[in-house]
Amino acid sequence: MNRAKNRNTNMTAGSITKLLIVFSIPMLIGNLFQQIYNVVDSVIVGQYVGANALGAIGATGSVTFLFIALCNGIGAGGGIVASQFFGAGKTEEVRKAITNVAYFMLGIASIVCVVSYIITPWLLRFLKTPDEIILDSIVYLRMMCLGVPLVCIYNYFSNMLRALGDSKGPLYFLILACLINVALDIVLVRGCNLSVFGAALATVISQLMAGIFCAIYATRTNEFFRIKKEDFRIATGIIKETARLGIPMSIQFALIAISCMGLQSVVNSFGPIAVAAFTATSRIEQIVHQPYTSMGQALTTFSGQNYGARRQDRIRRGFWTGTAMMAIMSLVLLVVMQVFGRAIVSLFVNDADVIEMGATGLKITSLFYGLLGMIYVTRGVQNGIGDAAFAFINGVVEVVTRIVFPVFMVAMPMFGVWGIWWSAGLVWAISAIFCILRYVYYGKRKMTFFGCL
């Protein structure tokens, strides 16, 4: 197999620092552009429709994440399977993984689409969505539910390409889709006065365009996507391995989303101002997460390929290299939020009370960014080596802490509404501790190829 024919990256040799940086930068840019979908929705709706409309979008954020995450866990698991085959040089198995993961992921997406559309009104009422915003919330969320299979098209192809070491290809189409999204937001929300429905429609169309272009790119530039007739056959072994890795990751994402919904319910009880402030800080921190997410994804591909190639030493060194990079990023982001938090929040809404609350919230959560980074380092390595139980453990820890902490902290007079943001930081702290313990335990007791930790 001549890997030079493709834009794939073999991460089993070469400088670890250089590989992680070069591989993660395109993913960082792509992830940032993907988050711009949500940010643009929020900015345009907040500025041209109002704080209640912004709150309506924010009130659906965790629910939308839940529905999409159920599908993306399967895609991520399939990507790990493909990266391990690629690292081991098993060409035919890579192609079979590409087709069989598609069957699995798109089937799950179709089921999620139907079920989520039906339960949307009940779910938002269960979360105590304020009466002032619930109708807009239902409209926005149902449109996003219909778009789940379309959004998954891009996520599927990007997962498969990244598993093979190509982090640049998906980036180009996300940039184009982002520009389309901005234009559609302006036309549909501001020009046609479609409010939150227009914002959701713009996001879905843009993601669909990214998926179509990514599919064309993959089939034309990557030999692994030039599927042969025999590759379309169902490979039960690959599906089982994808399920073994993907279902726990889906459960992890779902548990995190459920915990976020529990937190959203607490936020909703404080009224529209708190909802809008929390929405703004959540959108900002979705962007903050992207450097961590990109490095975590890079470590997953890196660990997966080296696991397939049995390069134990490189996996261990990759962990410490990633840790150092995360520490630097956390320090930079901490300074930005402490100094410029108010100005950043003001991009989303004009309401002075919302800006004040949101800026203070950012100052609180930014204190915990270093611990957040450690979650992504350990998650990236553990996912790459196929630690299926890790995803479930991490999800359970987050759901318990994210539901319990806010309830108790907002009830304390010393915290009050600020308990919302303090609890978010404490959730990261507890999760980071569990992630590190899992890494040490799994390395010493289960994965002897790690050597000395």
Protein backbone atom coordinates (compact mmCIF):
# COMPACT_ATOMS: atom_id res chain seq x y z
CA MET A 1 0.00 0.00 0.00
CA ASN A 2 1.40 3.37 -0.98
CA ARG A 3 0.22 5.85 1.62
CA ALA A 4 1.75 8.75 -0.30
CA LYS A 5 -1.14 8.58 -2.72
CA ASN A 6 -3.46 9.94 -0.08
CA ARG A 7 -3.45 12.83 2.32
CA ASN A 8 -3.26 10.43 5.23
CA THR A 9 -0.73 10.80 8.04
CA ASN A 10 1.18 7.88 9.50
CA MET A 11 1.54 8.80 13.19
CA THR A 12 3.56 5.74 14.19
CA ALA A 13 6.87 7.48 13.43
CA GLY A 14 8.31 10.98 13.67
CA SER A 15 8.26 13.84 16.18
CA ILE A 16 5.28 13.46 18.50
CA THR A 17 5.04 17.17 19.23
CA LYS A 18 5.13 18.09 15.55
CA LEU A 19 2.59 15.41 14.61
CA LEU A 20 0.12 16.48 17.30
CA ILE A 21 0.44 20.17 16.43
CA VAL A 22 0.24 19.70 12.66
CA PHE A 23 -2.66 17.26 12.95
CA SER A 24 -4.62 19.22 15.56
CA ILE A 25 -4.39 22.70 14.00
CA PRO A 26 -6.68 21.90 11.03
CA MET A 27 -9.10 20.19 13.43
CA LEU A 28 -8.98 23.21 15.73
CA ILE A 29 -9.81 25.53 12.85
CA GLY A 30 -12.56 23.15 11.73
CA ASN A 31 -13.99 22.80 15.23
CA LEU A 32 -13.97 26.57 15.68
CA PHE A 33 -15.84 27.03 12.43
CA GLN A 34 -18.31 24.36 13.48
CA GLN A 35 -18.95 26.25 16.70
CA ILE A 36 -19.47 29.40 14.68
CA TYR A 37 -22.74 27.82 13.52
CA ASN A 38 -24.03 28.09 17.06
CA VAL A 39 -22.37 31.42 17.80
CA VAL A 40 -23.76 33.07 14.68
CA ASP A 41 -27.23 31.83 15.54
CA SER A 42 -26.90 33.29 19.01
CA VAL A 43 -25.40 36.63 17.97
CA ILE A 44 -27.86 37.33 15.17
CA VAL A 45 -30.90 36.12 17.12
CA GLY A 46 -29.79 37.94 20.28
CA GLN A 47 -29.09 41.21 18.50
CA TYR A 48 -31.99 41.26 16.01
CA VAL A 49 -34.75 39.30 17.77
CA GLY A 50 -34.03 39.72 21.48
CA ALA A 51 -32.84 38.12 24.71
CA ASN A 52 -35.86 35.79 24.96
CA ALA A 53 -35.13 34.34 21.53
CA LEU A 54 -31.49 33.89 22.51
CA GLY A 55 -32.65 32.11 25.65
CA ALA A 56 -34.90 29.86 23.55
CA ILE A 57 -31.90 28.66 21.55
CA GLY A 58 -29.83 28.25 24.69
CA ALA A 59 -32.53 26.25 26.43
CA THR A 60 -32.28 23.61 23.67
CA GLY A 61 -28.49 23.36 23.56
CA SER A 62 -28.02 20.37 25.86
CA VAL A 63 -30.97 18.53 24.28
CA THR A 64 -29.60 19.05 20.76
CA PHE A 65 -26.23 17.81 21.96
CA LEU A 66 -27.88 14.68 23.34
CA PHE A 67 -29.58 13.76 20.09
CA ILE A 68 -26.52 14.34 17.91
CA ALA A 69 -24.15 12.75 20.44
CA LEU A 70 -26.05 9.46 20.33
CA CYS A 71 -25.02 9.20 16.67
CA ASN A 72 -21.55 10.70 16.97
CA GLY A 73 -20.48 8.16 19.58
CA ILE A 74 -20.92 5.44 16.98
CA GLY A 75 -18.95 7.48 14.44
CA ALA A 76 -16.15 8.08 16.94
CA GLY A 77 -16.02 4.39 17.82
CA GLY A 78 -15.88 3.50 14.14
CA GLY A 79 -13.07 6.00 13.65
CA ILE A 80 -11.02 4.27 16.36
CA VAL A 81 -11.54 0.91 14.67
CA ALA A 82 -10.43 2.35 11.32
CA SER A 83 -7.37 4.06 12.84
CA GLN A 84 -6.23 0.81 14.48
CA PHE A 85 -6.59 -1.07 11.20
CA PHE A 86 -4.71 1.70 9.42
CA GLY A 87 -1.87 1.64 11.96
CA ALA A 88 -1.60 -2.13 11.53
CA GLY A 89 -1.50 -1.77 7.72
CA LYS A 90 -4.73 -3.74 7.15
CA THR A 91 -6.05 -2.09 3.99
CA GLU A 92 -9.07 -4.32 3.32
CA GLU A 93 -10.30 -4.02 6.90
CA VAL A 94 -10.13 -0.22 6.66
CA ARG A 95 -12.48 -0.24 3.67
CA LYS A 96 -14.86 -2.63 5.37
CA ALA A 97 -14.87 -0.42 8.44
CA ILE A 98 -15.78 2.60 6.31
CA THR A 99 -18.89 0.92 4.87
CA ASN A 100 -20.06 -0.89 7.99
CA VAL A 101 -19.72 2.17 10.24
CA ALA A 102 -21.87 4.05 7.72
CA TYR A 103 -24.64 1.43 8.01
CA PHE A 104 -24.55 1.59 11.79
CA MET A 105 -24.31 5.36 12.18
CA LEU A 106 -26.96 6.38 9.66
CA GLY A 107 -29.38 3.76 11.02
CA ILE A 108 -29.03 5.18 14.53
CA ALA A 109 -29.39 8.73 13.17
CA SER A 110 -32.70 7.93 11.48
CA ILE A 111 -34.14 6.46 14.69
CA VAL A 112 -32.96 9.42 16.77
CA CYS A 113 -34.50 11.84 14.25
CA VAL A 114 -37.99 10.37 14.57
CA VAL A 115 -37.98 9.80 18.33
CA SER A 116 -36.48 13.19 19.20
CA TYR A 117 -39.00 15.10 17.06
CA ILE A 118 -41.89 13.40 18.85
CA ILE A 119 -40.68 13.93 22.42
CA THR A 120 -39.45 17.53 22.01
CA PRO A 121 -42.42 19.36 23.65
CA TRP A 122 -42.57 16.97 26.58
CA LEU A 123 -38.82 17.13 27.15
CA LEU A 124 -38.65 20.93 27.17
CA ARG A 125 -41.54 21.16 29.62
CA PHE A 126 -39.88 18.54 31.80
CA LEU A 127 -36.80 20.78 31.88
CA LYS A 128 -38.94 23.67 33.17
CA THR A 129 -38.28 25.86 30.16
CA PRO A 130 -39.71 29.33 30.98
CA ASP A 131 -43.12 30.06 29.46
CA GLU A 132 -41.75 33.16 27.74
CA ILE A 133 -39.44 31.08 25.52
CA ILE A 134 -40.92 27.58 25.33
CA LEU A 135 -42.73 27.98 21.99
CA ASP A 136 -39.61 29.28 20.27
CA SER A 137 -37.61 26.51 21.95
CA ILE A 138 -39.93 23.84 20.53
CA VAL A 139 -39.70 25.30 17.02
CA TYR A 140 -35.90 25.51 17.12
CA LEU A 141 -35.34 22.06 18.60
CA ARG A 142 -37.73 20.27 16.25
CA MET A 143 -35.97 21.76 13.25
CA MET A 144 -32.64 20.58 14.64
CA CYS A 145 -34.11 17.11 15.23
CA LEU A 146 -35.09 16.82 11.57
CA GLY A 147 -31.54 17.73 10.65
CA VAL A 148 -29.83 15.04 12.76
CA PRO A 149 -29.26 12.57 9.86
CA LEU A 150 -28.00 15.42 7.68
CA VAL A 151 -25.57 16.64 10.33
CA CYS A 152 -24.31 13.07 10.78
CA ILE A 153 -23.24 12.85 7.14
CA TYR A 154 -20.46 15.34 7.71
CA ASN A 155 -19.54 13.90 11.11
CA TYR A 156 -19.26 10.41 9.62
CA PHE A 157 -16.90 11.40 6.80
CA SER A 158 -14.82 13.66 9.02
CA ASN A 159 -14.41 10.88 11.61
CA MET A 160 -13.27 8.41 8.98
CA LEU A 161 -10.85 10.85 7.31
CA ARG A 162 -9.32 11.86 10.64
CA ALA A 163 -8.91 8.22 11.61
CA LEU A 164 -6.71 7.84 8.55
CA GLY A 165 -4.67 10.90 9.49
CA ASP A 166 -6.34 13.45 7.18
CA SER A 167 -7.38 16.40 9.33
CA LYS A 168 -7.16 19.02 6.58
CA GLY A 169 -9.80 17.79 4.15
CA PRO A 170 -12.86 18.24 6.40
CA LEU A 171 -11.67 21.74 7.30
CA TYR A 172 -12.16 23.22 3.85
CA PHE A 173 -15.81 22.31 3.69
CA LEU A 174 -16.59 23.49 7.19
CA ILE A 175 -15.23 26.91 6.27
CA LEU A 176 -17.42 27.04 3.19
CA ALA A 177 -20.44 25.81 5.15
CA CYS A 178 -19.82 28.43 7.82
CA LEU A 179 -19.92 31.19 5.24
CA ILE A 180 -23.15 29.75 3.88
CA ASN A 181 -24.55 29.64 7.41
CA VAL A 182 -23.73 33.29 8.06
CA ALA A 183 -25.38 34.34 4.82
CA LEU A 184 -28.49 32.24 5.48
CA ASP A 185 -28.77 33.55 9.04
CA ILE A 186 -28.78 37.11 7.82
CA VAL A 187 -31.32 36.35 5.09
CA LEU A 188 -33.66 34.10 7.08
CA VAL A 189 -33.50 35.72 10.53
CA ARG A 190 -32.94 39.37 9.81
CA GLY A 191 -34.29 39.61 6.25
CA CYS A 192 -37.24 37.20 6.34
CA ASN A 193 -38.01 37.59 10.06
CA LEU A 194 -38.08 33.82 10.58
CA SER A 195 -36.57 34.18 14.07
CA VAL A 196 -35.36 30.93 15.67
CA PHE A 197 -36.79 28.75 12.89
CA GLY A 198 -34.61 30.57 10.37
CA ALA A 199 -31.55 30.14 12.58
CA ALA A 200 -32.12 26.38 12.88
CA LEU A 201 -32.82 26.01 9.16
CA ALA A 202 -29.61 27.86 8.30
CA THR A 203 -27.57 25.56 10.56
CA VAL A 204 -29.06 22.37 9.13
CA ILE A 205 -28.60 23.42 5.50
CA SER A 206 -25.02 24.47 6.16
CA GLN A 207 -24.13 21.19 7.85
CA LEU A 208 -25.70 19.27 4.98
CA MET A 209 -23.57 21.17 2.48
CA ALA A 210 -20.44 20.38 4.52
CA GLY A 211 -21.37 16.69 4.50
CA ILE A 212 -21.98 16.55 0.75
CA PHE A 213 -18.72 18.29 -0.10
CA CYS A 214 -16.79 16.14 2.38
CA ALA A 215 -18.23 12.97 0.83
CA ILE A 216 -17.18 14.07 -2.67
CA TYR A 217 -13.70 14.96 -1.42
CA ALA A 218 -13.25 11.62 0.35
CA THR A 219 -14.26 9.49 -2.63
CA ARG A 220 -12.11 11.46 -5.08
CA THR A 221 -8.90 11.86 -3.07
CA ASN A 222 -8.65 8.87 -0.75
CA GLU A 223 -8.19 5.35 -2.06
CA PHE A 224 -9.77 3.84 1.04
CA PHE A 225 -13.11 5.38 0.01
CA ARG A 226 -12.95 3.79 -3.43
CA ILE A 227 -15.13 0.98 -2.21
CA LYS A 228 -15.18 -2.37 -3.96
CA LYS A 229 -18.25 -4.55 -4.31
CA GLU A 230 -17.12 -6.98 -1.62
CA ASP A 231 -16.59 -4.11 0.85
CA PHE A 232 -20.34 -3.50 1.00
CA ARG A 233 -20.92 -6.83 2.70
CA ILE A 234 -21.88 -6.71 6.35
CA ALA A 235 -18.86 -7.52 8.51
CA THR A 236 -20.25 -8.58 11.87
CA GLY A 237 -16.83 -8.49 13.53
CA ILE A 238 -16.30 -4.85 12.59
CA ILE A 239 -19.84 -3.90 13.60
CA LYS A 240 -19.39 -5.63 16.96
CA GLU A 241 -16.09 -3.83 17.58
CA THR A 242 -17.64 -0.52 16.53
CA ALA A 243 -20.51 -1.18 18.90
CA ARG A 244 -18.11 -2.17 21.69
CA LEU A 245 -16.28 1.14 21.39
CA GLY A 246 -19.03 3.36 20.03
CA ILE A 247 -21.98 2.51 22.27
CA PRO A 248 -20.11 3.33 25.51
CA MET A 249 -19.04 6.60 23.90
CA SER A 250 -22.63 7.31 22.88
CA ILE A 251 -23.70 6.56 26.44
CA GLN A 252 -20.96 8.83 27.72
CA PHE A 253 -22.09 11.68 25.47
CA ALA A 254 -25.71 11.00 26.35
CA LEU A 255 -24.99 11.03 30.07
CA ILE A 256 -23.08 14.30 29.71
CA ALA A 257 -25.99 15.74 27.73
CA ILE A 258 -28.48 14.53 30.35
CA SER A 259 -26.38 16.12 33.06
CA CYS A 260 -26.34 19.35 31.04
CA MET A 261 -30.13 19.17 30.81
CA GLY A 262 -30.27 18.80 34.58
CA LEU A 263 -28.10 21.90 34.89
CA GLN A 264 -30.28 23.70 32.34
CA SER A 265 -33.31 22.94 34.48
CA VAL A 266 -31.60 24.64 37.43
CA VAL A 267 -30.68 27.62 35.26
CA ASN A 268 -34.25 27.91 33.96
CA SER A 269 -35.52 28.28 37.53
CA PHE A 270 -33.68 31.61 37.83
CA GLY A 271 -35.60 33.20 34.95
CA PRO A 272 -34.86 34.68 31.49
CA ILE A 273 -31.85 36.82 32.50
CA ALA A 274 -29.97 33.87 33.96
CA VAL A 275 -30.96 31.72 30.97
CA ALA A 276 -29.62 34.32 28.51
CA ALA A 277 -26.39 34.80 30.52
CA PHE A 278 -25.85 31.06 30.77
CA THR A 279 -26.54 30.71 27.04
CA ALA A 280 -23.92 33.34 26.23
CA THR A 281 -21.27 31.79 28.49
CA SER A 282 -22.09 28.31 27.17
CA ARG A 283 -21.59 29.47 23.59
CA ILE A 284 -18.29 31.08 24.53
CA GLU A 285 -17.10 28.00 26.36
CA GLN A 286 -18.04 25.82 23.43
CA ILE A 287 -15.33 27.77 21.61
CA VAL A 288 -12.99 27.48 24.61
CA HIS A 289 -13.38 23.70 24.46
CA GLN A 290 -12.19 23.53 20.87
CA PRO A 291 -8.40 23.63 21.46
CA TYR A 292 -8.87 20.87 24.02
CA THR A 293 -11.19 18.91 21.74
CA SER A 294 -8.75 19.15 18.83
CA MET A 295 -5.81 17.96 20.90
CA GLY A 296 -7.94 15.17 22.34
CA GLN A 297 -8.98 14.07 18.84
CA ALA A 298 -5.36 14.19 17.72
CA LEU A 299 -4.35 12.01 20.66
CA THR A 300 -7.14 9.53 19.84
CA THR A 301 -5.91 9.10 16.26
CA PHE A 302 -2.29 9.07 17.44
CA SER A 303 -2.96 6.46 20.13
CA GLY A 304 -5.18 4.39 17.85
CA GLN A 305 -2.58 4.14 15.10
CA ASN A 306 0.24 3.40 17.53
CA TYR A 307 -1.92 0.84 19.32
CA GLY A 308 -2.41 -0.94 16.00
CA ALA A 309 1.33 -0.73 15.34
CA ARG A 310 2.16 -1.82 18.94
CA ARG A 311 4.23 1.32 19.60
CA GLN A 312 3.86 1.33 23.38
CA ASP A 313 6.53 3.92 24.03
CA ARG A 314 4.96 6.50 21.72
CA ILE A 315 1.54 6.26 23.38
CA ARG A 316 3.09 6.98 26.77
CA ARG A 317 5.15 9.91 25.44
CA GLY A 318 2.10 11.23 23.62
CA PHE A 319 0.23 11.49 26.91
CA TRP A 320 2.88 13.71 28.49
CA THR A 321 3.32 15.81 25.36
CA GLY A 322 -0.42 16.42 25.24
CA THR A 323 -0.45 17.32 28.93
CA ALA A 324 2.20 20.01 28.44
CA MET A 325 0.33 21.50 25.49
CA MET A 326 -2.95 21.57 27.42
CA ALA A 327 -1.28 23.41 30.32
CA ILE A 328 -0.05 26.18 28.03
CA MET A 329 -3.45 26.55 26.35
CA SER A 330 -5.23 26.70 29.70
CA LEU A 331 -3.03 29.52 30.97
CA VAL A 332 -3.62 31.62 27.85
CA LEU A 333 -7.40 31.11 27.96
CA LEU A 334 -7.52 31.92 31.67
CA VAL A 335 -5.92 35.33 31.05
CA VAL A 336 -8.26 36.06 28.11
CA MET A 337 -11.42 35.35 30.11
CA GLN A 338 -10.31 37.25 33.19
CA VAL A 339 -9.40 40.37 31.19
CA PHE A 340 -11.81 40.37 28.24
CA GLY A 341 -14.83 38.39 29.53
CA ARG A 342 -17.22 41.33 29.61
CA ALA A 343 -16.38 42.41 26.06
CA ILE A 344 -16.82 38.87 24.78
CA VAL A 345 -20.25 38.44 26.40
CA SER A 346 -21.38 41.79 24.97
CA LEU A 347 -21.02 40.34 21.48
CA PHE A 348 -24.04 38.16 22.16
CA VAL A 349 -26.54 40.51 23.75
CA ASN A 350 -27.06 44.17 24.63
CA ASP A 351 -28.79 43.67 27.98
CA ALA A 352 -26.53 45.09 30.74
CA ASP A 353 -27.73 42.64 33.41
CA VAL A 354 -27.05 39.68 31.14
CA ILE A 355 -23.57 40.98 30.28
CA GLU A 356 -22.67 41.50 33.94
CA MET A 357 -23.81 38.03 34.97
CA GLY A 358 -22.16 36.32 32.02
CA ALA A 359 -18.81 38.07 32.52
CA THR A 360 -18.69 37.01 36.17
CA GLY A 361 -19.58 33.46 35.18
CA LEU A 362 -16.62 33.32 32.78
CA LYS A 363 -14.24 34.54 35.46
CA ILE A 364 -15.36 31.67 37.69
CA THR A 365 -15.19 28.81 35.19
CA SER A 366 -11.88 29.92 33.64
CA LEU A 367 -10.16 29.09 36.94
CA PHE A 368 -10.75 25.41 36.15
CA TYR A 369 -9.54 25.30 32.52
CA GLY A 370 -6.35 23.39 33.41
CA LEU A 371 -8.38 20.52 34.85
CA LEU A 372 -10.67 20.59 31.83
CA GLY A 373 -7.62 20.08 29.64
CA MET A 374 -6.61 16.95 31.54
CA ILE A 375 -10.00 15.41 30.83
CA TYR A 376 -9.35 15.71 27.10
CA VAL A 377 -5.79 14.36 27.30
CA THR A 378 -6.76 11.20 29.13
CA ARG A 379 -9.95 10.80 27.11
CA GLY A 380 -8.00 11.02 23.86
CA VAL A 381 -5.45 8.39 24.86
CA GLN A 382 -7.93 6.00 26.47
CA ASN A 383 -10.33 6.15 23.54
CA GLY A 384 -7.48 5.53 21.11
CA ILE A 385 -6.34 2.34 22.82
CA GLY A 386 -9.90 1.01 22.94
CA ASP A 387 -10.74 1.44 26.62
CA ALA A 388 -14.49 1.13 26.17
CA ALA A 389 -15.21 1.14 29.90
CA PHE A 390 -13.51 4.52 30.29
CA ALA A 391 -16.18 6.32 28.30
CA PHE A 392 -18.94 4.89 30.46
CA ILE A 393 -17.12 5.65 33.72
CA ASN A 394 -16.42 9.22 32.63
CA GLY A 395 -20.05 9.70 31.62
CA VAL A 396 -21.37 8.42 34.95
CA VAL A 397 -19.06 10.71 36.90
CA GLU A 398 -20.14 13.75 34.90
CA VAL A 399 -23.86 13.03 35.09
CA VAL A 400 -23.79 12.53 38.85
CA THR A 401 -21.68 15.58 39.64
CA ARG A 402 -23.36 17.88 37.11
CA ILE A 403 -26.81 17.09 38.48
CA VAL A 404 -25.94 17.04 42.19
CA PHE A 405 -23.54 19.98 42.50
CA PRO A 406 -25.74 22.73 40.97
CA VAL A 407 -28.78 21.77 43.05
CA PHE A 408 -26.89 22.07 46.32
CA MET A 409 -24.68 25.00 45.43
CA VAL A 410 -27.41 27.35 44.18
CA ALA A 411 -29.29 26.63 47.40
CA MET A 412 -26.38 27.96 49.47
CA PRO A 413 -26.67 31.70 50.24
CA MET A 414 -22.92 32.16 49.69
CA PHE A 415 -23.30 31.02 46.06
CA GLY A 416 -26.88 31.58 44.90
CA VAL A 417 -27.09 31.93 41.13
CA TRP A 418 -23.27 31.87 40.91
CA GLY A 419 -23.43 28.25 42.00
CA ILE A 420 -24.32 27.50 38.39
CA TRP A 421 -20.82 28.43 37.23
CA TRP A 422 -18.93 27.24 40.33
CA SER A 423 -20.55 23.83 39.98
CA ALA A 424 -19.44 23.61 36.34
CA GLY A 425 -15.83 24.11 37.41
CA LEU A 426 -16.09 21.54 40.20
CA VAL A 427 -17.55 19.03 37.73
CA TRP A 428 -14.43 19.43 35.58
CA ALA A 429 -12.22 19.02 38.65
CA ILE A 430 -13.86 15.78 39.81
CA SER A 431 -13.97 14.38 36.26
CA ALA A 432 -10.28 15.17 35.74
CA ILE A 433 -9.34 13.28 38.90
CA PHE A 434 -11.31 10.22 37.80
CA CYS A 435 -9.82 10.38 34.29
CA ILE A 436 -6.26 10.46 35.61
CA LEU A 437 -6.95 7.59 38.01
CA ARG A 438 -8.41 5.56 35.17
CA TYR A 439 -5.36 6.23 33.01
CA VAL A 440 -2.99 5.09 35.76
CA TYR A 441 -5.10 2.04 36.67
CA TYR A 442 -5.69 0.92 33.09
CA GLY A 443 -2.07 1.43 32.16
CA LYS A 444 -0.69 -0.58 35.04
CA ARG A 445 -3.29 -3.31 35.40
CA LYS A 446 -4.64 -3.85 31.90
CA MET A 447 -2.31 -2.38 29.25
CA THR A 448 1.17 -3.74 29.99
CA PHE A 449 2.50 -2.23 26.76
CA PHE A 450 2.49 1.21 28.39
CA GLY A 451 5.65 0.37 30.30
CA CYS A 452 6.45 2.61 33.25
CA LEU A 453 3.94 5.40 33.81
